[in-house]
PDB file of N, CA and C in Angstrom:
ATOM      1  N   MET A   1      -8.569 -16.140 -17.924  1.00  0.00           N
ATOM      2  CA  MET A   1      -8.355 -15.298 -16.761  1.00  0.00           C
ATOM      3  C   MET A   1      -7.488 -16.061 -15.775  1.00  0.00           C
ATOM      4  N   ALA A   2      -6.542 -15.387 -15.132  1.00  0.00           N
ATOM      5  CA  ALA A   2      -5.584 -16.038 -14.252  1.00  0.00           C
ATOM      6  C   ALA A   2      -6.212 -16.535 -12.960  1.00  0.00           C
ATOM      7  N   GLY A   3      -7.339 -16.016 -12.577  1.00  0.00           N
ATOM      8  CA  GLY A   3      -7.980 -16.422 -11.330  1.00  0.00           C
ATOM      9  C   GLY A   3      -9.414 -15.961 -11.297  1.00  0.00           C
ATOM     10  N   ARG A   4     -10.121 -16.375 -10.297  1.00  0.00           N
ATOM     11  CA  ARG A   4     -11.518 -15.947 -10.158  1.00  0.00           C
ATOM     12  C   ARG A   4     -11.571 -14.499  -9.682  1.00  0.00           C
ATOM     13  N   ALA A   5     -12.634 -13.815 -10.027  1.00  0.00           N
ATOM     14  CA  ALA A   5     -12.755 -12.391  -9.710  1.00  0.00           C
ATOM     15  C   ALA A   5     -12.710 -12.122  -8.215  1.00  0.00           C
ATOM     16  N   TRP A   6     -13.176 -13.046  -7.384  1.00  0.00           N
ATOM     17  CA  TRP A   6     -13.253 -12.772  -5.955  1.00  0.00           C
ATOM     18  C   TRP A   6     -11.949 -13.045  -5.213  1.00  0.00           C
ATOM     19  N   GLU A   7     -10.952 -13.606  -5.878  1.00  0.00           N
ATOM     20  CA  GLU A   7      -9.670 -13.846  -5.225  1.00  0.00           C
ATOM     21  C   GLU A   7      -8.893 -12.539  -5.146  1.00  0.00           C
ATOM     22  N   SER A   8      -8.072 -12.419  -4.112  1.00  0.00           N
ATOM     23  CA  SER A   8      -7.231 -11.232  -4.029  1.00  0.00           C
ATOM     24  C   SER A   8      -6.127 -11.333  -5.077  1.00  0.00           C
ATOM     25  N   VAL A   9      -5.576 -10.209  -5.428  1.00  0.00           N
ATOM     26  CA  VAL A   9      -4.514 -10.152  -6.423  1.00  0.00           C
ATOM     27  C   VAL A   9      -3.207 -10.532  -5.740  1.00  0.00           C
ATOM     28  N   SER A  10      -2.434 -11.372  -6.392  1.00  0.00           N
ATOM     29  CA  SER A  10      -1.169 -11.817  -5.826  1.00  0.00           C
ATOM     30  C   SER A  10      -0.029 -11.420  -6.758  1.00  0.00           C
ATOM     31  N   VAL A  11       0.665 -10.367  -6.371  1.00  0.00           N
ATOM     32  CA  VAL A  11       1.831  -9.907  -7.124  1.00  0.00           C
ATOM     33  C   VAL A  11       3.047 -10.563  -6.473  1.00  0.00           C
ATOM     34  N   PRO A  12       3.921 -11.213  -7.240  1.00  0.00           N
ATOM     35  CA  PRO A  12       5.080 -11.882  -6.649  1.00  0.00           C
ATOM     36  C   PRO A  12       5.991 -10.904  -5.899  1.00  0.00           C
ATOM     37  N   ALA A  13       6.609 -11.397  -4.835  1.00  0.00           N
ATOM     38  CA  ALA A  13       7.484 -10.561  -4.003  1.00  0.00           C
ATOM     39  C   ALA A  13       8.602  -9.928  -4.832  1.00  0.00           C
ATOM     40  N   TRP A  14       9.166 -10.674  -5.771  1.00  0.00           N
ATOM     41  CA  TRP A  14      10.266 -10.133  -6.565  1.00  0.00           C
ATOM     42  C   TRP A  14       9.820  -8.931  -7.400  1.00  0.00           C
ATOM     43  N   ALA A  15       8.566  -8.891  -7.804  1.00  0.00           N
ATOM     44  CA  ALA A  15       8.076  -7.776  -8.621  1.00  0.00           C
ATOM     45  C   ALA A  15       8.072  -6.474  -7.821  1.00  0.00           C
ATOM     46  N   TRP A  16       7.772  -6.573  -6.520  1.00  0.00           N
ATOM     47  CA  TRP A  16       7.748  -5.378  -5.672  1.00  0.00           C
ATOM     48  C   TRP A  16       9.143  -4.798  -5.483  1.00  0.00           C
ATOM     49  N   GLU A  17      10.184  -5.580  -5.754  1.00  0.00           N
ATOM     50  CA  GLU A  17      11.564  -5.109  -5.580  1.00  0.00           C
ATOM     51  C   GLU A  17      12.095  -4.396  -6.818  1.00  0.00           C
ATOM     52  N   ARG A  18      11.348  -4.400  -7.890  1.00  0.00           N
ATOM     53  CA  ARG A  18      11.768  -3.746  -9.130  1.00  0.00           C
ATOM     54  C   ARG A  18      11.780  -2.219  -8.968  1.00  0.00           C
ATOM     55  N   GLU A  19      12.681  -1.577  -9.700  1.00  0.00           N
ATOM     56  CA  GLU A  19      12.762  -0.114  -9.684  1.00  0.00           C
ATOM     57  C   GLU A  19      11.444   0.502 -10.155  1.00  0.00           C
ATOM     58  N   GLU A  20      10.796  -0.143 -11.101  1.00  0.00           N
ATOM     59  CA  GLU A  20       9.501   0.328 -11.600  1.00  0.00           C
ATOM     60  C   GLU A  20       8.488   0.437 -10.456  1.00  0.00           C
ATOM     61  N   ALA A  21       8.441  -0.576  -9.615  1.00  0.00           N
ATOM     62  CA  ALA A  21       7.508  -0.572  -8.480  1.00  0.00           C
ATOM     63  C   ALA A  21       7.855   0.559  -7.524  1.00  0.00           C
ATOM     64  N   ARG A  22       9.129   0.698  -7.227  1.00  0.00           N
ATOM     65  CA  ARG A  22       9.584   1.755  -6.311  1.00  0.00           C
ATOM     66  C   ARG A  22       9.157   3.139  -6.824  1.00  0.00           C
ATOM     67  N   SER A  23       9.344   3.377  -8.105  1.00  0.00           N
ATOM     68  CA  SER A  23       8.969   4.670  -8.700  1.00  0.00           C
ATOM     69  C   SER A  23       7.464   4.910  -8.619  1.00  0.00           C
ATOM     70  N   LEU A  24       6.674   3.881  -8.941  1.00  0.00           N
ATOM     71  CA  LEU A  24       5.215   4.010  -8.881  1.00  0.00           C
ATOM     72  C   LEU A  24       4.748   4.284  -7.455  1.00  0.00           C
ATOM     73  N   LEU A  25       5.343   3.589  -6.500  1.00  0.00           N
ATOM     74  CA  LEU A  25       4.955   3.745  -5.094  1.00  0.00           C
ATOM     75  C   LEU A  25       5.292   5.141  -4.584  1.00  0.00           C
ATOM     76  N   GLN A  26       6.514   5.594  -4.842  1.00  0.00           N
ATOM     77  CA  GLN A  26       6.934   6.907  -4.353  1.00  0.00           C
ATOM     78  C   GLN A  26       6.127   8.035  -4.985  1.00  0.00           C
ATOM     79  N   ALA A  27       5.682   7.840  -6.212  1.00  0.00           N
ATOM     80  CA  ALA A  27       4.878   8.855  -6.902  1.00  0.00           C
ATOM     81  C   ALA A  27       3.394   8.737  -6.559  1.00  0.00           C
ATOM     82  N   ARG A  28       3.029   7.703  -5.794  1.00  0.00           N
ATOM     83  CA  ARG A  28       1.623   7.402  -5.491  1.00  0.00           C
ATOM     84  C   ARG A  28       0.806   7.332  -6.785  1.00  0.00           C
ATOM     85  N   ASP A  29       1.380   6.650  -7.754  1.00  0.00           N
ATOM     86  CA  ASP A  29       0.783   6.510  -9.081  1.00  0.00           C
ATOM     87  C   ASP A  29      -0.189   5.331  -9.076  1.00  0.00           C
ATOM     88  N   VAL A  30      -1.438   5.593  -8.702  1.00  0.00           N
ATOM     89  CA  VAL A  30      -2.433   4.523  -8.591  1.00  0.00           C
ATOM     90  C   VAL A  30      -2.716   3.873  -9.946  1.00  0.00           C
ATOM     91  N   PRO A  31      -2.911   4.632 -11.030  1.00  0.00           N
ATOM     92  CA  PRO A  31      -3.119   3.959 -12.315  1.00  0.00           C
ATOM     93  C   PRO A  31      -1.938   3.045 -12.676  1.00  0.00           C
ATOM     94  N   GLY A  32      -0.736   3.539 -12.434  1.00  0.00           N
ATOM     95  CA  GLY A  32       0.455   2.735 -12.711  1.00  0.00           C
ATOM     96  C   GLY A  32       0.513   1.489 -11.853  1.00  0.00           C
ATOM     97  N   LEU A  33       0.134   1.605 -10.583  1.00  0.00           N
ATOM     98  CA  LEU A  33       0.136   0.443  -9.691  1.00  0.00           C
ATOM     99  C   LEU A  33      -0.931  -0.569 -10.086  1.00  0.00           C
ATOM    100  N   LEU A  34      -2.073  -0.094 -10.542  1.00  0.00           N
ATOM    101  CA  LEU A  34      -3.112  -1.017 -11.002  1.00  0.00           C
ATOM    102  C   LEU A  34      -2.643  -1.761 -12.257  1.00  0.00           C
ATOM    103  N   ARG A  35      -1.975  -1.048 -13.164  1.00  0.00           N
ATOM    104  CA  ARG A  35      -1.419  -1.708 -14.354  1.00  0.00           C
ATOM    105  C   ARG A  35      -0.326  -2.701 -13.951  1.00  0.00           C
ATOM    106  N   PHE A  36       0.467  -2.324 -12.964  1.00  0.00           N
ATOM    107  CA  PHE A  36       1.521  -3.198 -12.427  1.00  0.00           C
ATOM    108  C   PHE A  36       0.893  -4.494 -11.907  1.00  0.00           C
ATOM    109  N   ALA A  37      -0.217  -4.375 -11.175  1.00  0.00           N
ATOM    110  CA  ALA A  37      -0.923  -5.553 -10.653  1.00  0.00           C
ATOM    111  C   ALA A  37      -1.519  -6.381 -11.786  1.00  0.00           C
ATOM    112  N   GLN A  38      -1.937  -5.726 -12.845  1.00  0.00           N
ATOM    113  CA  GLN A  38      -2.446  -6.466 -14.003  1.00  0.00           C
ATOM    114  C   GLN A  38      -1.310  -7.257 -14.656  1.00  0.00           C
ATOM    115  N   ARG A  39      -0.171  -6.610 -14.805  1.00  0.00           N
ATOM    116  CA  ARG A  39       0.954  -7.238 -15.492  1.00  0.00           C
ATOM    117  C   ARG A  39       1.594  -8.360 -14.685  1.00  0.00           C
ATOM    118  N   PHE A  40       1.852  -8.110 -13.403  1.00  0.00           N
ATOM    119  CA  PHE A  40       2.583  -9.091 -12.595  1.00  0.00           C
ATOM    120  C   PHE A  40       1.674 -10.002 -11.780  1.00  0.00           C
ATOM    121  N   GLY A  41       0.424  -9.606 -11.600  1.00  0.00           N
ATOM    122  CA  GLY A  41      -0.509 -10.435 -10.848  1.00  0.00           C
ATOM    123  C   GLY A  41      -1.589 -11.060 -11.707  1.00  0.00           C
ATOM    124  N   GLY A  42      -1.577 -10.742 -13.003  1.00  0.00           N
ATOM    125  CA  GLY A  42      -2.563 -11.305 -13.915  1.00  0.00           C
ATOM    126  C   GLY A  42      -3.984 -10.858 -13.628  1.00  0.00           C
ATOM    127  N   ALA A  43      -4.137  -9.678 -13.055  1.00  0.00           N
ATOM    128  CA  ALA A  43      -5.452  -9.205 -12.618  1.00  0.00           C
ATOM    129  C   ALA A  43      -6.194  -8.479 -13.733  1.00  0.00           C
ATOM    130  N   SER A  44      -7.448  -8.831 -13.907  1.00  0.00           N
ATOM    131  CA  SER A  44      -8.335  -8.102 -14.815  1.00  0.00           C
ATOM    132  C   SER A  44      -8.906  -6.900 -14.060  1.00  0.00           C
ATOM    133  N   GLN A  45      -9.575  -6.018 -14.769  1.00  0.00           N
ATOM    134  CA  GLN A  45     -10.241  -4.898 -14.097  1.00  0.00           C
ATOM    135  C   GLN A  45     -11.290  -5.412 -13.120  1.00  0.00           C
ATOM    136  N   THR A  46     -11.990  -6.467 -13.489  1.00  0.00           N
ATOM    137  CA  THR A  46     -13.015  -7.036 -12.607  1.00  0.00           C
ATOM    138  C   THR A  46     -12.390  -7.568 -11.325  1.00  0.00           C
ATOM    139  N   ARG A  47     -11.265  -8.231 -11.475  1.00  0.00           N
ATOM    140  CA  ARG A  47     -10.579  -8.773 -10.298  1.00  0.00           C
ATOM    141  C   ARG A  47     -10.036  -7.651  -9.411  1.00  0.00           C
ATOM    142  N   LEU A  48      -9.486  -6.614 -10.029  1.00  0.00           N
ATOM    143  CA  LEU A  48      -9.016  -5.457  -9.260  1.00  0.00           C
ATOM    144  C   LEU A  48     -10.177  -4.815  -8.510  1.00  0.00           C
ATOM    145  N   ALA A  49     -11.313  -4.705  -9.182  1.00  0.00           N
ATOM    146  CA  ALA A  49     -12.500  -4.118  -8.552  1.00  0.00           C
ATOM    147  C   ALA A  49     -12.922  -4.934  -7.343  1.00  0.00           C
ATOM    148  N   SER A  50     -12.973  -6.241  -7.507  1.00  0.00           N
ATOM    149  CA  SER A  50     -13.378  -7.118  -6.413  1.00  0.00           C
ATOM    150  C   SER A  50     -12.396  -7.039  -5.245  1.00  0.00           C
ATOM    151  N   ALA A  51     -11.107  -7.012  -5.554  1.00  0.00           N
ATOM    152  CA  ALA A  51     -10.077  -7.010  -4.515  1.00  0.00           C
ATOM    153  C   ALA A  51      -9.997  -5.685  -3.763  1.00  0.00           C
ATOM    154  N   THR A  52     -10.329  -4.581  -4.430  1.00  0.00           N
ATOM    155  CA  THR A  52     -10.200  -3.261  -3.806  1.00  0.00           C
ATOM    156  C   THR A  52     -11.515  -2.682  -3.304  1.00  0.00           C
ATOM    157  N   GLY A  53     -12.626  -3.242  -3.754  1.00  0.00           N
ATOM    158  CA  GLY A  53     -13.922  -2.683  -3.383  1.00  0.00           C
ATOM    159  C   GLY A  53     -14.268  -1.435  -4.179  1.00  0.00           C
ATOM    160  N   ILE A  54     -13.541  -1.210  -5.262  1.00  0.00           N
ATOM    161  CA  ILE A  54     -13.806  -0.090  -6.163  1.00  0.00           C
ATOM    162  C   ILE A  54     -14.517  -0.681  -7.378  1.00  0.00           C
ATOM    163  N   SER A  55     -15.553  -0.039  -7.862  1.00  0.00           N
ATOM    164  CA  SER A  55     -16.300  -0.601  -8.993  1.00  0.00           C
ATOM    165  C   SER A  55     -15.401  -0.756 -10.221  1.00  0.00           C
ATOM    166  N   GLN A  56     -15.752  -1.709 -11.076  1.00  0.00           N
ATOM    167  CA  GLN A  56     -14.979  -1.936 -12.295  1.00  0.00           C
ATOM    168  C   GLN A  56     -14.983  -0.685 -13.169  1.00  0.00           C
ATOM    169  N   GLY A  57     -16.113  -0.001 -13.227  1.00  0.00           N
ATOM    170  CA  GLY A  57     -16.191   1.233 -14.000  1.00  0.00           C
ATOM    171  C   GLY A  57     -15.232   2.293 -13.489  1.00  0.00           C
ATOM    172  N   ARG A  58     -15.133   2.402 -12.169  1.00  0.00           N
ATOM    173  CA  ARG A  58     -14.214   3.375 -11.565  1.00  0.00           C
ATOM    174  C   ARG A  58     -12.760   2.949 -11.795  1.00  0.00           C
ATOM    175  N   ILE A  59     -12.486   1.645 -11.717  1.00  0.00           N
ATOM    176  CA  ILE A  59     -11.133   1.146 -12.018  1.00  0.00           C
ATOM    177  C   ILE A  59     -10.756   1.559 -13.441  1.00  0.00           C
ATOM    178  N   SER A  60     -11.672   1.379 -14.378  1.00  0.00           N
ATOM    179  CA  SER A  60     -11.437   1.759 -15.769  1.00  0.00           C
ATOM    180  C   SER A  60     -11.158   3.256 -15.880  1.00  0.00           C
ATOM    181  N   GLU A  61     -11.936   4.072 -15.180  1.00  0.00           N
ATOM    182  CA  GLU A  61     -11.736   5.527 -15.216  1.00  0.00           C
ATOM    183  C   GLU A  61     -10.376   5.913 -14.641  1.00  0.00           C
ATOM    184  N   ILE A  62      -9.966   5.248 -13.564  1.00  0.00           N
ATOM    185  CA  ILE A  62      -8.654   5.519 -12.960  1.00  0.00           C
ATOM    186  C   ILE A  62      -7.551   5.136 -13.949  1.00  0.00           C
ATOM    187  N   LEU A  63      -7.662   3.946 -14.535  1.00  0.00           N
ATOM    188  CA  LEU A  63      -6.648   3.473 -15.485  1.00  0.00           C
ATOM    189  C   LEU A  63      -6.538   4.377 -16.706  1.00  0.00           C
ATOM    190  N   ASN A  64      -7.647   4.958 -17.125  1.00  0.00           N
ATOM    191  CA  ASN A  64      -7.654   5.810 -18.315  1.00  0.00           C
ATOM    192  C   ASN A  64      -7.466   7.294 -18.005  1.00  0.00           C
ATOM    193  N   GLY A  65      -7.182   7.624 -16.751  1.00  0.00           N
ATOM    194  CA  GLY A  65      -6.893   9.000 -16.377  1.00  0.00           C
ATOM    195  C   GLY A  65      -8.100   9.907 -16.276  1.00  0.00           C
ATOM    196  N   ARG A  66      -9.294   9.341 -16.292  1.00  0.00           N
ATOM    197  CA  ARG A  66     -10.502  10.164 -16.177  1.00  0.00           C
ATOM    198  C   ARG A  66     -10.899  10.373 -14.719  1.00  0.00           C
ATOM    199  N   GLN A  67     -10.269   9.649 -13.833  1.00  0.00           N
ATOM    200  CA  GLN A  67     -10.555   9.760 -12.395  1.00  0.00           C
ATOM    201  C   GLN A  67      -9.219   9.711 -11.663  1.00  0.00           C
ATOM    202  N   THR A  68      -9.053  10.581 -10.676  1.00  0.00           N
ATOM    203  CA  THR A  68      -7.830  10.549  -9.876  1.00  0.00           C
ATOM    204  C   THR A  68      -8.162  10.099  -8.463  1.00  0.00           C
ATOM    205  N   VAL A  69      -7.174   9.532  -7.818  1.00  0.00           N
ATOM    206  CA  VAL A  69      -7.344   9.075  -6.439  1.00  0.00           C
ATOM    207  C   VAL A  69      -6.684  10.087  -5.526  1.00  0.00           C
ATOM    208  N   VAL A  70      -7.459  10.603  -4.565  1.00  0.00           N
ATOM    209  CA  VAL A  70      -6.917  11.544  -3.588  1.00  0.00           C
ATOM    210  C   VAL A  70      -7.276  11.143  -2.161  1.00  0.00           C
ATOM    211  N   ALA A  71      -8.251  10.277  -1.996  1.00  0.00           N
ATOM    212  CA  ALA A  71      -8.711   9.897  -0.656  1.00  0.00           C
ATOM    213  C   ALA A  71      -7.795   8.839  -0.050  1.00  0.00           C
ATOM    214  N   PHE A  72      -7.369   9.091   1.173  1.00  0.00           N
ATOM    215  CA  PHE A  72      -6.500   8.167   1.902  1.00  0.00           C
ATOM    216  C   PHE A  72      -7.116   6.774   1.967  1.00  0.00           C
ATOM    217  N   GLU A  73      -8.415   6.720   2.195  1.00  0.00           N
ATOM    218  CA  GLU A  73      -9.130   5.439   2.293  1.00  0.00           C
ATOM    219  C   GLU A  73      -8.969   4.620   1.009  1.00  0.00           C
ATOM    220  N   VAL A  74      -8.964   5.279  -0.128  1.00  0.00           N
ATOM    221  CA  VAL A  74      -8.818   4.568  -1.399  1.00  0.00           C
ATOM    222  C   VAL A  74      -7.384   4.063  -1.564  1.00  0.00           C
ATOM    223  N   TYR A  75      -6.399   4.860  -1.138  1.00  0.00           N
ATOM    224  CA  TYR A  75      -5.007   4.381  -1.159  1.00  0.00           C
ATOM    225  C   TYR A  75      -4.885   3.103  -0.332  1.00  0.00           C
ATOM    226  N   GLU A  76      -5.521   3.079   0.830  1.00  0.00           N
ATOM    227  CA  GLU A  76      -5.504   1.889   1.696  1.00  0.00           C
ATOM    228  C   GLU A  76      -6.144   0.694   0.991  1.00  0.00           C
ATOM    229  N   ARG A  77      -7.287   0.916   0.354  1.00  0.00           N
ATOM    230  CA  ARG A  77      -7.996  -0.175  -0.326  1.00  0.00           C
ATOM    231  C   ARG A  77      -7.185  -0.722  -1.497  1.00  0.00           C
ATOM    232  N   VAL A  78      -6.521   0.159  -2.214  1.00  0.00           N
ATOM    233  CA  VAL A  78      -5.663  -0.288  -3.313  1.00  0.00           C
ATOM    234  C   VAL A  78      -4.509  -1.120  -2.756  1.00  0.00           C
ATOM    235  N   ALA A  79      -3.860  -0.628  -1.705  1.00  0.00           N
ATOM    236  CA  ALA A  79      -2.737  -1.355  -1.096  1.00  0.00           C
ATOM    237  C   ALA A  79      -3.166  -2.745  -0.636  1.00  0.00           C
ATOM    238  N   GLU A  80      -4.309  -2.815   0.027  1.00  0.00           N
ATOM    239  CA  GLU A  80      -4.837  -4.107   0.487  1.00  0.00           C
ATOM    240  C   GLU A  80      -5.187  -4.999  -0.693  1.00  0.00           C
ATOM    241  N   GLY A  81      -5.873  -4.437  -1.655  1.00  0.00           N
ATOM    242  CA  GLY A  81      -6.380  -5.217  -2.776  1.00  0.00           C
ATOM    243  C   GLY A  81      -5.308  -5.825  -3.654  1.00  0.00           C
ATOM    244  N   ILE A  82      -4.187  -5.120  -3.807  1.00  0.00           N
ATOM    245  CA  ILE A  82      -3.128  -5.667  -4.658  1.00  0.00           C
ATOM    246  C   ILE A  82      -2.032  -6.334  -3.832  1.00  0.00           C
ATOM    247  N   GLY A  83      -2.313  -6.556  -2.558  1.00  0.00           N
ATOM    248  CA  GLY A  83      -1.401  -7.324  -1.713  1.00  0.00           C
ATOM    249  C   GLY A  83      -0.053  -6.671  -1.498  1.00  0.00           C
ATOM    250  N   MET A  84      -0.060  -5.368  -1.312  1.00  0.00           N
ATOM    251  CA  MET A  84       1.171  -4.619  -1.145  1.00  0.00           C
ATOM    252  C   MET A  84       1.889  -5.040   0.142  1.00  0.00           C
ATOM    253  N   PRO A  85       3.154  -5.469   0.052  1.00  0.00           N
ATOM    254  CA  PRO A  85       3.893  -5.809   1.270  1.00  0.00           C
ATOM    255  C   PRO A  85       4.225  -4.547   2.072  1.00  0.00           C
ATOM    256  N   ASP A  86       4.595  -4.731   3.329  1.00  0.00           N
ATOM    257  CA  ASP A  86       4.837  -3.588   4.213  1.00  0.00           C
ATOM    258  C   ASP A  86       5.895  -2.621   3.691  1.00  0.00           C
ATOM    259  N   THR A  87       6.976  -3.123   3.114  1.00  0.00           N
ATOM    260  CA  THR A  87       8.000  -2.214   2.595  1.00  0.00           C
ATOM    261  C   THR A  87       7.427  -1.348   1.474  1.00  0.00           C
ATOM    262  N   ALA A  88       6.573  -1.921   0.647  1.00  0.00           N
ATOM    263  CA  ALA A  88       5.925  -1.159  -0.425  1.00  0.00           C
ATOM    264  C   ALA A  88       4.911  -0.177   0.152  1.00  0.00           C
ATOM    265  N   ARG A  89       4.171  -0.609   1.172  1.00  0.00           N
ATOM    266  CA  ARG A  89       3.192   0.285   1.808  1.00  0.00           C
ATOM    267  C   ARG A  89       3.884   1.548   2.323  1.00  0.00           C
ATOM    268  N   MET A  90       5.055   1.379   2.917  1.00  0.00           N
ATOM    269  CA  MET A  90       5.771   2.535   3.460  1.00  0.00           C
ATOM    270  C   MET A  90       6.244   3.465   2.347  1.00  0.00           C
ATOM    271  N   LEU A  91       6.720   2.915   1.234  1.00  0.00           N
ATOM    272  CA  LEU A  91       7.099   3.760   0.097  1.00  0.00           C
ATOM    273  C   LEU A  91       5.886   4.491  -0.471  1.00  0.00           C
ATOM    274  N   PHE A  92       4.724   3.886  -0.346  1.00  0.00           N
ATOM    275  CA  PHE A  92       3.463   4.443  -0.839  1.00  0.00           C
ATOM    276  C   PHE A  92       2.905   5.503   0.115  1.00  0.00           C
ATOM    277  N   GLY A  93       3.535   5.636   1.289  1.00  0.00           N
ATOM    278  CA  GLY A  93       3.099   6.631   2.265  1.00  0.00           C
ATOM    279  C   GLY A  93       2.113   6.105   3.279  1.00  0.00           C
ATOM    280  N   LEU A  94       2.000   4.775   3.383  1.00  0.00           N
ATOM    281  CA  LEU A  94       1.088   4.156   4.345  1.00  0.00           C
ATOM    282  C   LEU A  94       1.882   3.460   5.440  1.00  0.00           C
ATOM    283  N   ALA A  95       1.245   3.277   6.564  1.00  0.00           N
ATOM    284  CA  ALA A  95       1.873   2.540   7.659  1.00  0.00           C
ATOM    285  C   ALA A  95       1.935   1.060   7.305  1.00  0.00           C
ATOM    286  N   PRO A  96       2.964   0.373   7.788  1.00  0.00           N
ATOM    287  CA  PRO A  96       3.007  -1.074   7.566  1.00  0.00           C
ATOM    288  C   PRO A  96       1.898  -1.754   8.350  1.00  0.00           C
ATOM    289  N   LYS A  97       1.452  -2.907   7.858  1.00  0.00           N
ATOM    290  CA  LYS A  97       0.430  -3.662   8.585  1.00  0.00           C
ATOM    291  C   LYS A  97       1.024  -4.255   9.858  1.00  0.00           C
ATOM    292  N   ASP A  98       2.294  -4.662   9.795  1.00  0.00           N
ATOM    293  CA  ASP A  98       2.973  -5.249  10.948  1.00  0.00           C
ATOM    294  C   ASP A  98       4.037  -4.271  11.438  1.00  0.00           C
ATOM    295  N   VAL A  99       3.626  -3.332  12.268  1.00  0.00           N
ATOM    296  CA  VAL A  99       4.530  -2.296  12.766  1.00  0.00           C
ATOM    297  C   VAL A  99       5.668  -2.904  13.574  1.00  0.00           C
ATOM    298  N   THR A 100       5.410  -3.970  14.305  1.00  0.00           N
ATOM    299  CA  THR A 100       6.449  -4.565  15.156  1.00  0.00           C
ATOM    300  C   THR A 100       7.624  -5.083  14.339  1.00  0.00           C
ATOM    301  N   ALA A 101       7.405  -5.486  13.112  1.00  0.00           N
ATOM    302  CA  ALA A 101       8.503  -5.974  12.278  1.00  0.00           C
ATOM    303  C   ALA A 101       9.521  -4.873  12.001  1.00  0.00           C
ATOM    304  N   PHE A 102       9.102  -3.629  12.095  1.00  0.00           N
ATOM    305  CA  PHE A 102       9.993  -2.514  11.808  1.00  0.00           C
ATOM    306  C   PHE A 102      10.454  -1.783  13.064  1.00  0.00           C
ATOM    307  N   THR A 103       9.912  -2.144  14.214  1.00  0.00           N
ATOM    308  CA  THR A 103      10.289  -1.463  15.453  1.00  0.00           C
ATOM    309  C   THR A 103      10.831  -2.400  16.514  1.00  0.00           C
ATOM    310  N   ALA A 104      10.664  -3.700  16.365  1.00  0.00           N
ATOM    311  CA  ALA A 104      11.036  -4.663  17.407  1.00  0.00           C
ATOM    312  C   ALA A 104      12.525  -4.656  17.709  1.00  0.00           C
ATOM    313  N   ASN A 105      13.383  -4.457  16.732  1.00  0.00           N
ATOM    314  CA  ASN A 105      14.827  -4.518  16.944  1.00  0.00           C
ATOM    315  C   ASN A 105      15.466  -3.156  17.164  1.00  0.00           C
ATOM    316  N   ARG A 106      14.664  -2.146  17.278  1.00  0.00           N
ATOM    317  CA  ARG A 106      15.207  -0.806  17.500  1.00  0.00           C
ATOM    318  C   ARG A 106      15.610  -0.637  18.954  1.00  0.00           C
ATOM    319  N   PRO A 107      16.743  -0.007  19.171  1.00  0.00           N
ATOM    320  CA  PRO A 107      17.117   0.276  20.561  1.00  0.00           C
ATOM    321  C   PRO A 107      16.196   1.346  21.128  1.00  0.00           C
ATOM    322  N   PRO A 108      16.053   1.381  22.444  1.00  0.00           N
ATOM    323  CA  PRO A 108      15.203   2.417  23.034  1.00  0.00           C
ATOM    324  C   PRO A 108      15.773   3.803  22.745  1.00  0.00           C
ATOM    325  N   ALA A 109      14.902   4.777  22.732  1.00  0.00           N
ATOM    326  CA  ALA A 109      15.328   6.157  22.499  1.00  0.00           C
ATOM    327  C   ALA A 109      16.221   6.609  23.642  1.00  0.00           C
ATOM    328  N   PRO A 110      17.259   7.386  23.333  1.00  0.00           N
ATOM    329  CA  PRO A 110      18.118   7.891  24.406  1.00  0.00           C
ATOM    330  C   PRO A 110      17.339   8.822  25.326  1.00  0.00           C
ATOM    331  N   PRO A 111      17.799   8.978  26.566  1.00  0.00           N
ATOM    332  CA  PRO A 111      17.099   9.878  27.495  1.00  0.00           C
ATOM    333  C   PRO A 111      16.940  11.269  26.883  1.00  0.00           C
ATOM    334  N   GLY A 112      15.780  11.838  27.094  1.00  0.00           N
ATOM    335  CA  GLY A 112      15.505  13.174  26.583  1.00  0.00           C
ATOM    336  C   GLY A 112      15.062  13.190  25.130  1.00  0.00           C
ATOM    337  N   ARG A 113      14.996  12.037  24.468  1.00  0.00           N
ATOM    338  CA  ARG A 113      14.618  11.980  23.062  1.00  0.00           C
ATOM    339  C   ARG A 113      13.252  11.335  22.857  1.00  0.00           C
ATOM    340  N   SER A 114      12.545  11.057  23.927  1.00  0.00           N
ATOM    341  CA  SER A 114      11.262  10.376  23.810  1.00  0.00           C
ATOM    342  C   SER A 114      10.094  11.340  23.660  1.00  0.00           C
ATOM    343  N   GLY A 115      10.384  12.598  23.474  1.00  0.00           N
ATOM    344  CA  GLY A 115       9.313  13.571  23.356  1.00  0.00           C
ATOM    345  C   GLY A 115       9.057  14.295  24.669  1.00  0.00           C
ATOM    346  N   ARG A 116       9.704  13.836  25.731  1.00  0.00           N
ATOM    347  CA  ARG A 116       9.578  14.495  27.035  1.00  0.00           C
ATOM    348  C   ARG A 116      10.940  15.031  27.433  1.00  0.00           C
ATOM    349  N   SER A 117      10.974  16.192  28.010  1.00  0.00           N
ATOM    350  CA  SER A 117      12.251  16.774  28.405  1.00  0.00           C
ATOM    351  C   SER A 117      12.667  16.363  29.811  1.00  0.00           C
ATOM    352  N   ALA A 118      11.742  15.910  30.613  1.00  0.00           N
ATOM    353  CA  ALA A 118      12.062  15.508  31.983  1.00  0.00           C
ATOM    354  C   ALA A 118      11.188  14.322  32.364  1.00  0.00           C
ATOM    355  N   PRO A 119      11.618  13.558  33.359  1.00  0.00           N
ATOM    356  CA  PRO A 119      10.792  12.431  33.796  1.00  0.00           C
ATOM    357  C   PRO A 119       9.416  12.905  34.259  1.00  0.00           C
ATOM    358  N   VAL A 120       8.441  12.065  34.086  1.00  0.00           N
ATOM    359  CA  VAL A 120       7.083  12.380  34.510  1.00  0.00           C
ATOM    360  C   VAL A 120       6.983  12.147  36.003  1.00  0.00           C
ATOM    361  N   ARG A 121       6.457  13.143  36.712  1.00  0.00           N
ATOM    362  CA  ARG A 121       6.270  13.015  38.160  1.00  0.00           C
ATOM    363  C   ARG A 121       4.788  13.066  38.453  1.00  0.00           C
ATOM    364  N   PRO A 122       4.321  12.220  39.352  1.00  0.00           N
ATOM    365  CA  PRO A 122       2.896  12.259  39.686  1.00  0.00           C
ATOM    366  C   PRO A 122       2.504  13.600  40.298  1.00  0.00           C
ATOM    367  N   VAL A 123       1.313  14.024  40.022  1.00  0.00           N
ATOM    368  CA  VAL A 123       0.787  15.267  40.579  1.00  0.00           C
ATOM    369  C   VAL A 123       0.054  14.929  41.862  1.00  0.00           C
ATOM    370  N   ALA A 124       0.378  15.671  42.929  1.00  0.00           N
ATOM    371  CA  ALA A 124      -0.240  15.384  44.226  1.00  0.00           C
ATOM    372  C   ALA A 124      -1.578  16.036  44.367  1.00  0.00           C
TER     373      ALA A 124
END
């Protein structure tokens, strides 16, 4: 086994840049992403279970197509458990963990584009 069951899964950064990863993320293909983590992170079903908080039996059912993932909370746990970087999280439909990394260099919104049509005035 590549690591102890209680360690988080570590998929190399270069693996997340592969077209295969992009396709799995955009399709929200959880079984495919779990297999991806097994292949590139050396994760067993037990290790995936430990890292995601999903039972090993349920991981097996997901991998074999007997169980589907639809709950947002489970998508989050999978993303956390397989160490999904922020760019991958966004392709997967989740918010990045470090929002400032994606908003810090943005110029301010032009006047009238901030969701308000006029300046806010205090009410007397």
